Amino acid sequence: MARVPITVYLQPDQLAGIERRAAQVGKQRSAWVADTLVRALNDELLPLDEILLDQLTKMRAGLETVIEAQAGRGAEGKSRLADMRQRGRDLAARMQAEARERLRR
């Protein structure tokens, strides 16, 4: 393994965030940054944090409620509901593929 010296310029709030995260796992700031950089290079880190995941989950739950209300009741409603959900999954898959492609560039 090669040792590569780097300089990183951070805003005070960014530095505080790094120090907080390093302290949470019992590491020094430089060790935490090095580990995080290696993990990012090995594609172990996803560009999604807990806050974003929480908001997306809540948004999806709200959307499901609206879709169920629009679909209506009975056999025809169930069919419409299944169709809307499938179209939503298809759109999500396309959007996710596009986002992953942008990340690879």
Foldseek 3Di string as FASTA:
>chain_A
DDDDDDDDDDDPVVQVVLCVVCVVVVHHSVVSVVVVVVCVVVVNDDPDDPVNVVVVVVVVVVVLVVLLVVLDDDPSSVVSSVVVVVVVVVVVVVVVVVVVVVVVD
